[in-house]
């Protein structure tokens, strides 16, 4: 070393010890001399005195200084990416720069995302193609030639980028989703939106229109995934809720297409109930009427509205809730009132106490009466009745029995075409013209409803099921929240939850 002989090595596995303290830090001349057998076959070679000498000159670096910290001088957004710049390492014992990226995780502090080694001592810049936003920390260390890691330096960078994923309903069926463009455009790879929306690599494509998937009426989460060119994606979600513009209710609901109005009953505490009329377009409450009972009936043609108020039986004007007439029917059927219906011809059916009655108003002319537990059910036109174990038809002067039927506990009319008789074992759909059973629906329960606007039957059976009202064929079903205090019904071509949430039936069918 530097023209001073250090020693000799004979054979494999031997070594020469060097005391570094004898040399100053820096560069030194190291000469290696190899003495090899000549194998020429000459006498000198045979005597072992003929040798080949190979000399090699090298530069030895003596560095006893511990690894030094390299400061990160800048972390900044630059040309659509994030640039990390550090100072050049000056000592001789350099092997590589080690740069570690860490993400901030709130109370849990930072966690490592990736680590990269740079072996070029003169390279002092790295672009982080994985960064899209958020709080990060970059940690710089140096690995020395003896594989030791030096002290670290760090710098924090925080850019508050949130996609701001938002939605707005467009037509009660489709939602428009919007989000903010990624500012680090060189790092961007794609947007991916849940529920079948194809990913796009166009950074400016920040809108989408789709139909969310619901377990009605629960909100639905839609996820936006923004992928970078390597590294972890940025994920944001938005909770899409079905529109909740309908007033909450917990009693019967009717839509009258002749008036273009909804009528709902809300049961309150202390025998206080409210009948509300709701505009069919704006869904705003127009007027309320306080009741002590919870029964009302409205004819399909919108001409007749009756309510029960204690012992009084009152006819109201449907458009302003003014009283048209107050009737005393105690002699016909004593209270309390259990149910009431009214047809377009002002014939009402009611069950009051233990008496079921069909009578023509306003003269209170009793047309049918019986003392059974089941009331009479009347078709919207008033031409047909179901009750007392029979189907009845009006001949202009009286109701005549047209068919004896097995016991049922509820009847739902599809105009004068069909009647659905609910029994414990299921629902029989009977064609009124022929008296034939055209379909039997295996439905057990008492929540079957008919929506005249959509001409569909609806039934809540842990999922909501829709049936063709003409054939009884099940056309679709969809998930609803089964284990809740909410109720569901179909009305005016919509499914409405008692909490005020609604969706059009066209969302599910066809």
Protein backbone atom coordinates (compact mmCIF):
# COMPACT_ATOMS: atom_id res chain seq x y z
CA UNK A 1 0.00 0.00 0.00
CA UNK A 2 1.53 3.32 -1.11
CA UNK A 3 4.83 1.40 -1.87
CA UNK A 4 4.88 -0.20 1.56
CA UNK A 5 4.72 -3.96 1.57
CA UNK A 6 1.81 -5.25 3.60
CA UNK A 7 2.65 -8.95 3.53
CA UNK A 8 2.44 -12.21 1.60
CA UNK A 9 -0.31 -14.77 1.17
CA UNK A 10 0.54 -18.42 0.53
CA UNK A 11 -2.31 -20.64 -0.62
CA UNK A 12 -6.04 -20.29 -0.45
CA UNK A 13 -7.83 -19.07 2.66
CA UNK A 14 -5.01 -16.89 3.91
CA UNK A 15 -5.39 -13.13 4.40
CA UNK A 16 -3.52 -10.00 5.34
CA UNK A 17 -4.68 -7.80 8.24
CA UNK A 18 -4.53 -4.06 7.68
CA UNK A 19 -4.61 -1.53 10.48
CA UNK A 20 -6.65 1.37 9.15
CA UNK A 21 -5.31 3.73 11.73
CA UNK A 22 -2.01 3.75 9.86
CA UNK A 23 -3.56 5.45 6.89
CA UNK A 24 -5.33 8.72 6.38
CA UNK A 25 -8.89 8.88 5.01
CA UNK A 26 -8.95 9.18 1.27
CA UNK A 27 -7.50 7.42 -1.78
CA UNK A 28 -4.45 5.14 -1.64
CA UNK A 29 -2.47 3.18 -4.21
CA UNK A 30 -2.78 -0.56 -3.79
CA UNK A 31 -0.56 -2.91 -5.82
CA UNK A 32 -1.18 -6.62 -5.97
CA UNK A 33 1.55 -8.97 -7.26
CA UNK A 34 0.73 -12.55 -8.16
CA UNK A 35 3.60 -15.10 -8.52
CA UNK A 36 2.52 -18.06 -10.64
CA UNK A 37 4.27 -21.23 -11.79
CA UNK A 38 5.50 -20.89 -15.39
CA UNK A 39 4.90 -24.56 -16.38
CA UNK A 40 7.28 -24.04 -19.34
CA UNK A 41 9.13 -27.33 -18.82
CA UNK A 42 12.53 -25.58 -18.69
CA UNK A 43 15.25 -26.55 -16.19
CA UNK A 44 14.54 -23.38 -14.19
CA UNK A 45 10.84 -24.31 -14.16
CA UNK A 46 11.73 -27.80 -13.00
CA UNK A 47 13.91 -26.35 -10.27
CA UNK A 48 10.98 -24.11 -9.22
CA UNK A 49 12.74 -20.83 -9.83
CA UNK A 50 10.99 -19.82 -13.04
CA UNK A 51 7.85 -17.83 -12.09
CA UNK A 52 5.37 -15.60 -13.87
CA UNK A 53 4.72 -12.26 -12.15
CA UNK A 54 1.32 -10.54 -12.65
CA UNK A 55 0.98 -7.03 -11.21
CA UNK A 56 -2.38 -5.26 -10.66
CA UNK A 57 -2.77 -1.65 -9.59
CA UNK A 58 -5.91 -0.63 -7.72
CA UNK A 59 -7.23 2.39 -5.83
CA UNK A 60 -8.10 1.75 -2.20
CA UNK A 61 -10.49 4.10 -0.41
CA UNK A 62 -9.98 4.55 3.29
CA UNK A 63 -13.11 5.93 5.01
CA UNK A 64 -13.52 5.70 8.77
CA UNK A 65 -16.20 8.39 9.03
CA UNK A 66 -19.66 6.98 9.97
CA UNK A 67 -22.44 7.29 7.40
CA UNK A 68 -23.73 10.82 7.18
CA UNK A 69 -27.33 12.01 6.98
CA UNK A 70 -28.47 13.29 3.61
CA UNK A 71 -31.03 16.09 3.92
CA UNK A 72 -34.12 16.11 1.73
CA UNK A 73 -34.06 19.62 0.31
CA UNK A 74 -37.46 19.66 -1.45
CA UNK A 75 -40.70 17.74 -1.84
CA UNK A 76 -42.93 19.57 -4.30
CA UNK A 77 -45.52 19.15 -7.02
CA UNK A 78 -43.74 19.46 -10.32
CA UNK A 79 -45.05 18.88 -13.83
CA UNK A 80 -47.99 16.68 -12.79
CA UNK A 81 -46.08 14.49 -10.37
CA UNK A 82 -44.38 14.74 -6.96
CA UNK A 83 -40.64 15.38 -6.98
CA UNK A 84 -38.36 14.47 -4.05
CA UNK A 85 -34.91 16.05 -4.13
CA UNK A 86 -32.01 15.53 -1.73
CA UNK A 87 -28.39 16.60 -1.32
CA UNK A 88 -25.55 14.62 -2.85
CA UNK A 89 -23.66 12.34 -0.44
CA UNK A 90 -20.06 13.49 -0.18
CA UNK A 91 -18.27 10.77 1.75
CA UNK A 92 -16.35 7.94 0.07
CA UNK A 93 -18.25 5.04 1.65
CA UNK A 94 -21.40 5.39 -0.46
CA UNK A 95 -23.30 2.31 -1.65
CA UNK A 96 -26.85 3.61 -2.21
CA UNK A 97 -29.52 6.10 -1.24
CA UNK A 98 -32.53 4.46 0.46
CA UNK A 99 -35.79 6.47 0.12
CA UNK A 100 -38.85 5.34 2.09
CA UNK A 101 -42.39 6.63 1.52
CA UNK A 102 -44.77 6.68 4.49
CA UNK A 103 -48.49 7.50 4.61
CA UNK A 104 -50.23 9.22 7.49
CA UNK A 105 -52.87 7.13 9.24
CA UNK A 106 -54.29 9.49 11.84
CA UNK A 107 -53.90 8.33 15.41
CA UNK A 108 -51.85 5.35 14.21
CA UNK A 109 -49.15 7.61 12.80
CA UNK A 110 -47.18 6.84 9.66
CA UNK A 111 -46.83 3.47 7.97
CA UNK A 112 -44.40 2.41 5.22
CA UNK A 113 -45.71 2.29 1.67
CA UNK A 114 -42.62 1.57 -0.37
CA UNK A 115 -38.83 1.74 -0.31
CA UNK A 116 -36.51 2.42 -3.24
CA UNK A 117 -32.70 2.26 -3.55
CA UNK A 118 -30.74 4.59 -5.81
CA UNK A 119 -27.20 3.36 -6.49
CA UNK A 120 -26.10 6.33 -8.59
CA UNK A 121 -24.38 8.70 -6.18
CA UNK A 122 -24.93 11.64 -8.51
CA UNK A 123 -28.67 11.09 -8.80
CA UNK A 124 -30.49 13.31 -6.30
CA UNK A 125 -34.06 13.40 -7.66
CA UNK A 126 -36.88 10.87 -7.70
CA UNK A 127 -40.46 11.36 -8.95
CA UNK A 128 -43.12 9.57 -6.93
CA UNK A 129 -45.50 8.23 -9.57
CA UNK A 130 -47.68 6.63 -6.88
CA UNK A 131 -48.76 9.87 -5.19
CA UNK A 132 -52.32 11.13 -5.71
CA UNK A 133 -52.87 13.16 -2.57
CA UNK A 134 -52.88 13.11 1.22
CA UNK A 135 -50.29 13.50 3.94
CA UNK A 136 -47.02 11.64 3.34
CA UNK A 137 -43.52 11.60 4.77
CA UNK A 138 -40.36 10.73 2.87
CA UNK A 139 -37.41 9.31 4.81
CA UNK A 140 -33.89 9.37 3.31
CA UNK A 141 -31.02 7.17 4.53
CA UNK A 142 -27.65 6.17 3.10
CA UNK A 143 -26.33 2.62 2.92
CA UNK A 144 -22.54 2.50 3.17
CA UNK A 145 -20.10 0.08 1.57
CA UNK A 146 -20.09 -2.05 4.70
CA UNK A 147 -23.92 -2.36 4.41
CA UNK A 148 -24.59 -0.14 7.37
CA UNK A 149 -27.51 2.28 7.34
CA UNK A 150 -26.80 5.83 8.33
CA UNK A 151 -28.99 8.36 10.14
CA UNK A 152 -32.16 9.48 8.43
CA UNK A 153 -33.67 12.76 7.37
CA UNK A 154 -37.32 13.27 6.59
CA UNK A 155 -39.73 15.74 5.11
CA UNK A 156 -43.53 15.86 5.18
CA UNK A 157 -45.74 16.75 2.23
CA UNK A 158 -49.47 17.27 2.53
CA UNK A 159 -51.84 18.01 -0.33
CA UNK A 160 -55.53 17.81 0.51
CA UNK A 161 -56.99 16.15 -2.57
CA UNK A 162 -60.41 14.64 -2.13
CA UNK A 163 -62.30 13.37 -5.18
CA UNK A 164 -65.44 14.90 -3.66
CA UNK A 165 -67.59 12.10 -5.02
CA UNK A 166 -71.18 13.38 -5.08
CA UNK A 167 -74.49 12.32 -6.59
CA UNK A 168 -77.78 13.82 -7.64
CA UNK A 169 -80.96 12.07 -8.73
CA UNK A 170 -81.87 12.74 -12.32
CA UNK A 171 -85.21 11.00 -12.77
CA UNK A 172 -86.00 9.07 -9.57
CA UNK A 173 -84.20 6.16 -11.19
CA UNK A 174 -80.75 7.27 -12.32
CA UNK A 175 -78.12 9.13 -10.36
CA UNK A 176 -75.46 11.37 -11.81
CA UNK A 177 -72.11 10.95 -10.09
CA UNK A 178 -69.43 13.61 -10.23
CA UNK A 179 -65.92 13.94 -8.80
CA UNK A 180 -62.87 16.20 -9.01
CA UNK A 181 -60.09 15.60 -11.50
CA UNK A 182 -56.78 14.25 -10.21
CA UNK A 183 -54.28 17.16 -10.05
CA UNK A 184 -51.23 14.86 -10.35
CA UNK A 185 -51.97 14.04 -13.94
CA UNK A 186 -48.71 12.22 -14.72
CA UNK A 187 -49.39 9.77 -11.89
CA UNK A 188 -52.97 9.05 -12.96
CA UNK A 189 -53.84 5.68 -14.45
CA UNK A 190 -57.64 5.22 -14.29
CA UNK A 191 -60.95 5.92 -12.60
CA UNK A 192 -63.07 2.91 -11.67
CA UNK A 193 -66.63 3.28 -10.42
CA UNK A 194 -68.66 0.50 -8.80
CA UNK A 195 -71.78 -1.26 -10.12
CA UNK A 196 -70.61 -2.10 -13.60
CA UNK A 197 -69.27 1.26 -14.73
CA UNK A 198 -66.24 0.57 -16.89
CA UNK A 199 -62.94 2.11 -15.91
CA UNK A 200 -61.69 5.05 -17.90
CA UNK A 201 -58.16 6.29 -18.47
CA UNK A 202 -59.38 9.75 -19.45
CA UNK A 203 -58.45 12.02 -16.56
CA UNK A 204 -61.12 14.52 -17.62
CA UNK A 205 -63.92 11.93 -17.55
CA UNK A 206 -65.30 12.82 -14.13
CA UNK A 207 -69.04 12.13 -14.50
CA UNK A 208 -71.14 8.99 -14.80
CA UNK A 209 -74.86 8.17 -14.83
CA UNK A 210 -76.08 4.84 -13.50
CA UNK A 211 -78.76 3.03 -11.56
CA UNK A 212 -77.65 2.23 -8.02
CA UNK A 213 -78.47 -1.14 -6.48
CA UNK A 214 -80.55 -0.96 -3.29
CA UNK A 215 -81.85 -3.15 -0.54
CA UNK A 216 -84.85 -0.86 -0.39
CA UNK A 217 -85.02 1.60 1.32
CA UNK A 218 -81.49 1.40 2.74
CA UNK A 219 -78.76 3.64 1.28
CA UNK A 220 -76.38 2.14 -1.25
CA UNK A 221 -72.62 2.79 -1.23
CA UNK A 222 -70.90 3.48 -4.54
CA UNK A 223 -67.11 3.34 -4.57
CA UNK A 224 -64.78 5.39 -6.73
CA UNK A 225 -61.29 3.93 -7.10
CA UNK A 226 -58.57 6.15 -8.53
CA UNK A 227 -55.53 4.18 -9.57
CA UNK A 228 -52.02 5.57 -9.82
CA UNK A 229 -49.17 4.20 -11.86
CA UNK A 230 -48.11 1.86 -9.12
CA UNK A 231 -48.80 2.02 -5.42
CA UNK A 232 -52.04 1.98 -3.49
CA UNK A 233 -55.20 3.35 -5.14
CA UNK A 234 -57.24 6.16 -3.66
CA UNK A 235 -60.77 5.00 -2.76
CA UNK A 236 -63.75 7.14 -1.88
CA UNK A 237 -67.40 6.20 -1.47
CA UNK A 238 -70.71 8.01 -1.42
CA UNK A 239 -73.90 6.77 0.19
CA UNK A 240 -76.75 7.04 -2.29
CA UNK A 241 -80.20 7.07 -0.73
CA UNK A 242 -83.49 6.62 -2.55
CA UNK A 243 -85.39 9.88 -2.68
CA UNK A 244 -87.16 10.61 0.60
CA UNK A 245 -89.47 13.39 -0.42
CA UNK A 246 -92.70 11.64 0.55
CA UNK A 247 -94.13 12.44 3.99
CA UNK A 248 -93.71 9.58 6.48
CA UNK A 249 -96.88 7.72 7.43
CA UNK A 250 -97.93 4.60 9.28
CA UNK A 251 -101.48 3.96 8.08
CA UNK A 252 -103.31 3.38 4.80
CA UNK A 253 -102.22 5.16 1.63
CA UNK A 254 -104.30 5.79 -1.52
CA UNK A 255 -103.41 7.44 -4.80
CA UNK A 256 -106.37 8.86 -6.68
CA UNK A 257 -105.52 9.29 -10.35
CA UNK A 258 -108.74 11.27 -10.98
CA UNK A 259 -107.60 13.95 -8.52
CA UNK A 260 -103.86 13.48 -8.94
CA UNK A 261 -103.52 13.30 -5.15
CA UNK A 262 -102.28 10.96 -2.47
CA UNK A 263 -104.23 10.46 0.76
CA UNK A 264 -102.44 8.99 3.78
CA UNK A 265 -103.34 8.22 7.38
CA UNK A 266 -100.87 8.83 10.17
CA UNK A 267 -101.61 7.28 13.54
CA UNK A 268 -100.51 9.43 16.45
CA UNK A 269 -100.53 8.98 20.21
CA UNK A 270 -103.58 9.30 22.47
CA UNK A 271 -106.11 8.28 19.78
CA UNK A 272 -105.11 11.22 17.61
CA UNK A 273 -104.82 10.51 13.90
CA UNK A 274 -104.26 12.69 10.88
CA UNK A 275 -105.58 12.35 7.33
CA UNK A 276 -103.32 14.18 4.85
CA UNK A 277 -103.83 15.12 1.21
CA UNK A 278 -100.59 15.25 -0.79
CA UNK A 279 -99.98 16.74 -4.21
CA UNK A 280 -99.17 13.97 -6.68
CA UNK A 281 -96.38 15.92 -8.38
CA UNK A 282 -94.60 17.93 -5.70
CA UNK A 283 -95.36 15.33 -2.99
CA UNK A 284 -95.99 18.20 -0.58
CA UNK A 285 -98.73 18.02 2.05
CA UNK A 286 -101.60 20.25 0.97
CA UNK A 287 -103.96 19.82 3.91
CA UNK A 288 -104.54 17.72 7.02
CA UNK A 289 -107.65 16.66 8.91
CA UNK A 290 -107.56 15.47 12.52
CA UNK A 291 -109.42 12.29 13.44
CA UNK A 292 -110.08 10.24 16.51
CA UNK A 293 -110.55 7.08 14.42
CA UNK A 294 -108.19 5.81 11.79
CA UNK A 295 -110.43 4.86 8.88
CA UNK A 296 -111.13 6.66 5.62
CA UNK A 297 -112.39 5.65 2.18
CA UNK A 298 -112.09 7.42 -1.19
CA UNK A 299 -113.81 6.40 -4.43
CA UNK A 300 -111.74 5.87 -7.56
CA UNK A 301 -113.46 8.72 -9.36
CA UNK A 302 -112.50 11.09 -6.54
CA UNK A 303 -116.10 12.11 -5.86
CA UNK A 304 -116.66 10.57 -2.43
CA UNK A 305 -114.53 10.72 0.69
CA UNK A 306 -115.72 9.31 4.03
CA UNK A 307 -114.07 9.33 7.43
CA UNK A 308 -114.98 7.97 10.83
CA UNK A 309 -114.93 10.43 13.71
CA UNK A 310 -115.94 8.76 16.95
CA UNK A 311 -119.62 7.87 16.65
CA UNK A 312 -119.97 10.15 13.63
CA UNK A 313 -119.67 9.04 10.04
CA UNK A 314 -118.64 12.07 7.94
CA UNK A 315 -118.51 12.80 4.20
CA UNK A 316 -115.76 15.29 3.28
CA UNK A 317 -114.93 17.23 0.15
CA UNK A 318 -111.68 15.56 -1.01
CA UNK A 319 -110.21 18.85 -2.27
CA UNK A 320 -110.66 21.04 0.82
CA UNK A 321 -111.73 18.60 3.60
CA UNK A 322 -114.87 20.62 4.25
CA UNK A 323 -117.77 18.62 5.73
CA UNK A 324 -120.49 17.74 3.26
CA UNK A 325 -122.63 15.63 5.58
CA UNK A 326 -122.56 13.96 8.97
CA UNK A 327 -124.38 10.63 9.35
CA UNK A 328 -125.61 8.70 12.33
CA UNK A 329 -125.45 5.00 11.50
CA UNK A 330 -125.51 3.58 15.02
CA UNK A 331 -128.85 1.94 14.38
CA UNK A 332 -127.50 0.16 11.33
CA UNK A 333 -124.09 -0.85 12.72
CA UNK A 334 -122.96 0.20 16.20
CA UNK A 335 -119.36 1.38 16.72
CA UNK A 336 -116.46 0.91 16.70
CA UNK A 337 -115.63 1.11 13.02
CA UNK A 338 -113.22 -1.54 11.73
CA UNK A 339 -113.08 -0.92 7.98
CA UNK A 340 -114.71 1.12 5.22
CA UNK A 341 -114.74 1.27 1.40
CA UNK A 342 -116.68 3.42 -1.08
CA UNK A 343 -117.34 2.86 -4.78
CA UNK A 344 -117.77 5.32 -7.62
CA UNK A 345 -121.59 5.01 -7.30
CA UNK A 346 -121.50 6.10 -3.63
CA UNK A 347 -122.17 2.62 -2.30
CA UNK A 348 -120.18 1.99 0.84
CA UNK A 349 -119.20 -1.19 2.64
CA UNK A 350 -118.19 -1.12 6.25
CA UNK A 351 -117.74 -3.30 9.25
CA UNK A 352 -118.78 -1.66 12.48
CA UNK A 353 -118.82 -3.68 15.66
CA UNK A 354 -119.92 -7.18 14.66
CA UNK A 355 -122.00 -6.06 11.68
CA UNK A 356 -120.88 -5.97 8.05
CA UNK A 357 -122.98 -3.75 5.78
CA UNK A 358 -123.25 -2.64 2.17
CA UNK A 359 -125.42 0.44 1.79
CA UNK A 360 -126.21 3.13 -0.75
CA UNK A 361 -125.49 6.70 0.25
CA UNK A 362 -126.61 9.31 0.98
CA UNK A 363 -129.89 7.62 1.92
CA UNK A 364 -128.19 4.92 4.07
CA UNK A 365 -130.14 2.25 2.16
CA UNK A 366 -128.93 -1.15 3.36
CA UNK A 367 -128.26 -3.45 0.41
CA UNK A 368 -126.60 -6.33 2.25
CA UNK A 369 -125.94 -7.02 5.91
CA UNK A 370 -124.53 -9.89 7.92
CA UNK A 371 -123.13 -10.55 11.36
CA UNK A 372 -119.90 -12.27 10.28
CA UNK A 373 -116.35 -11.38 11.21
CA UNK A 374 -115.44 -10.54 7.63
CA UNK A 375 -116.55 -7.30 5.96
CA UNK A 376 -117.91 -6.87 2.47
CA UNK A 377 -115.38 -5.76 -0.13
CA UNK A 378 -116.61 -3.70 -3.08
CA UNK A 379 -115.17 -3.21 -6.54
CA UNK A 380 -114.24 0.36 -7.58
CA UNK A 381 -117.30 0.67 -9.83
CA UNK A 382 -119.65 -0.73 -7.19
CA UNK A 383 -120.83 -3.51 -9.52
CA UNK A 384 -119.32 -6.39 -7.54
CA UNK A 385 -119.02 -7.41 -3.93
CA UNK A 386 -117.13 -10.14 -2.11
CA UNK A 387 -118.30 -11.25 1.32
CA UNK A 388 -120.37 -13.65 3.36
CA UNK A 389 -118.81 -16.58 1.46
CA UNK A 390 -120.05 -15.34 -1.94
CA UNK A 391 -119.30 -13.12 -4.88
CA UNK A 392 -122.10 -10.67 -5.71
CA UNK A 393 -123.09 -8.67 -8.81
CA UNK A 394 -125.29 -5.58 -8.96
CA UNK A 395 -128.22 -5.89 -11.41
CA UNK A 396 -129.40 -2.31 -11.15
CA UNK A 397 -131.68 -2.83 -8.17
CA UNK A 398 -129.93 -5.31 -5.90
CA UNK A 399 -126.86 -7.49 -5.40
CA UNK A 400 -127.24 -11.09 -6.53
CA UNK A 401 -124.99 -13.96 -5.54
CA UNK A 402 -123.06 -15.24 -8.56
CA UNK A 403 -120.61 -17.64 -6.97
CA UNK A 404 -120.12 -19.37 -3.66
CA UNK A 405 -116.47 -19.32 -2.66
CA UNK A 406 -114.40 -20.94 0.02
CA UNK A 407 -113.75 -18.86 3.15
CA UNK A 408 -111.38 -15.93 2.72
CA UNK A 409 -110.31 -13.09 4.99
CA UNK A 410 -109.57 -10.33 2.47
CA UNK A 411 -110.49 -9.42 -1.09
CA UNK A 412 -108.67 -7.16 -3.57
CA UNK A 413 -110.48 -6.12 -6.77
CA UNK A 414 -108.88 -5.43 -10.13
CA UNK A 415 -111.72 -3.24 -11.37
CA UNK A 416 -114.58 -5.49 -12.53
CA UNK A 417 -112.25 -7.97 -14.17
CA UNK A 418 -110.70 -9.96 -11.33
CA UNK A 419 -110.90 -10.36 -7.60
CA UNK A 420 -108.05 -11.72 -5.48
CA UNK A 421 -109.28 -13.69 -2.47
CA UNK A 422 -106.70 -14.06 0.25
CA UNK A 423 -106.87 -17.29 2.22
CA UNK A 424 -104.56 -18.89 4.74
CA UNK A 425 -103.15 -21.24 2.08
CA UNK A 426 -102.71 -18.59 -0.62
CA UNK A 427 -104.46 -16.20 -2.99
CA UNK A 428 -107.02 -17.25 -5.62
CA UNK A 429 -107.38 -14.94 -8.62
CA UNK A 430 -110.95 -15.25 -9.94
CA UNK A 431 -112.18 -13.91 -13.25
CA UNK A 432 -115.44 -12.15 -12.43
CA UNK A 433 -117.06 -12.65 -15.85
CA UNK A 434 -116.69 -16.46 -15.77
CA UNK A 435 -116.22 -17.15 -12.06
CA UNK A 436 -113.15 -19.26 -12.89
CA UNK A 437 -109.96 -19.35 -10.88
CA UNK A 438 -107.31 -18.25 -13.36
CA UNK A 439 -104.35 -18.40 -10.99
CA UNK A 440 -103.45 -19.35 -7.44
CA UNK A 441 -100.62 -17.42 -5.83
CA UNK A 442 -98.79 -19.19 -2.97
CA UNK A 443 -98.78 -16.08 -0.81
CA UNK A 444 -99.41 -16.21 2.91
CA UNK A 445 -100.10 -12.89 4.56
CA UNK A 446 -102.45 -9.97 4.33
CA UNK A 447 -100.36 -7.30 2.58
CA UNK A 448 -101.37 -7.99 -1.04
CA UNK A 449 -102.10 -4.72 -2.84
CA UNK A 450 -103.21 -3.80 -6.35
CA UNK A 451 -101.82 -0.74 -8.09
CA UNK A 452 -104.19 0.40 -10.81
CA UNK A 453 -101.62 2.69 -12.44
CA UNK A 454 -99.05 -0.06 -13.06
CA UNK A 455 -101.64 -2.88 -13.19
CA UNK A 456 -99.42 -4.92 -10.88
CA UNK A 457 -99.97 -6.79 -7.66
CA UNK A 458 -97.46 -6.31 -4.88
CA UNK A 459 -96.68 -8.56 -1.92
CA UNK A 460 -94.04 -8.23 0.80
CA UNK A 461 -92.66 -11.69 1.57
CA UNK A 462 -89.16 -11.01 3.04
CA UNK A 463 -88.52 -9.64 -0.43
CA UNK A 464 -90.96 -7.56 -2.43
CA UNK A 465 -92.67 -9.51 -5.21
CA UNK A 466 -94.52 -8.12 -8.22
CA UNK A 467 -97.19 -10.02 -10.15
CA UNK A 468 -99.00 -9.45 -13.42
CA UNK A 469 -102.52 -8.57 -12.24
CA UNK A 470 -104.11 -10.14 -15.32
CA UNK A 471 -102.38 -13.53 -15.25
CA UNK A 472 -100.97 -13.87 -11.74
CA UNK A 473 -97.50 -14.46 -13.18
CA UNK A 474 -94.68 -13.25 -10.96
CA UNK A 475 -92.71 -10.76 -13.02
CA UNK A 476 -89.91 -9.82 -10.62
CA UNK A 477 -88.82 -9.52 -7.02
CA UNK A 478 -86.29 -7.36 -5.25
CA UNK A 479 -84.66 -7.04 -1.86
CA UNK A 480 -86.19 -4.95 0.89
CA UNK A 481 -85.29 -4.51 4.53
CA UNK A 482 -87.27 -7.38 6.00
CA UNK A 483 -86.50 -6.99 9.68
CA UNK A 484 -87.65 -3.45 10.32
CA UNK A 485 -90.69 -1.59 11.54
CA UNK A 486 -91.20 -0.07 8.10
CA UNK A 487 -93.93 -1.09 5.72
CA UNK A 488 -93.87 -1.15 1.93
CA UNK A 489 -96.57 -0.78 -0.68
CA UNK A 490 -96.91 -0.14 -4.40
CA UNK A 491 -99.00 2.84 -5.43
CA UNK A 492 -99.02 5.06 -8.51
CA UNK A 493 -96.32 2.98 -10.21
CA UNK A 494 -93.97 3.49 -7.27
CA UNK A 495 -92.82 1.53 -4.27
CA UNK A 496 -93.15 3.64 -1.16
CA UNK A 497 -91.81 2.95 2.30
CA UNK A 498 -93.62 4.31 5.34
CA UNK A 499 -90.46 6.27 6.22
CA UNK A 500 -91.06 8.43 3.13
CA UNK A 501 -88.58 6.75 0.78
CA UNK A 502 -89.77 5.95 -2.72
CA UNK A 503 -88.57 4.58 -6.06
CA UNK A 504 -90.43 4.11 -9.33
CA UNK A 505 -91.43 0.54 -10.08
CA UNK A 506 -89.66 0.95 -13.41
CA UNK A 507 -86.46 0.82 -11.38
CA UNK A 508 -87.18 -2.88 -10.90
CA UNK A 509 -89.62 -3.77 -13.69
CA UNK A 510 -89.64 -4.17 -16.60
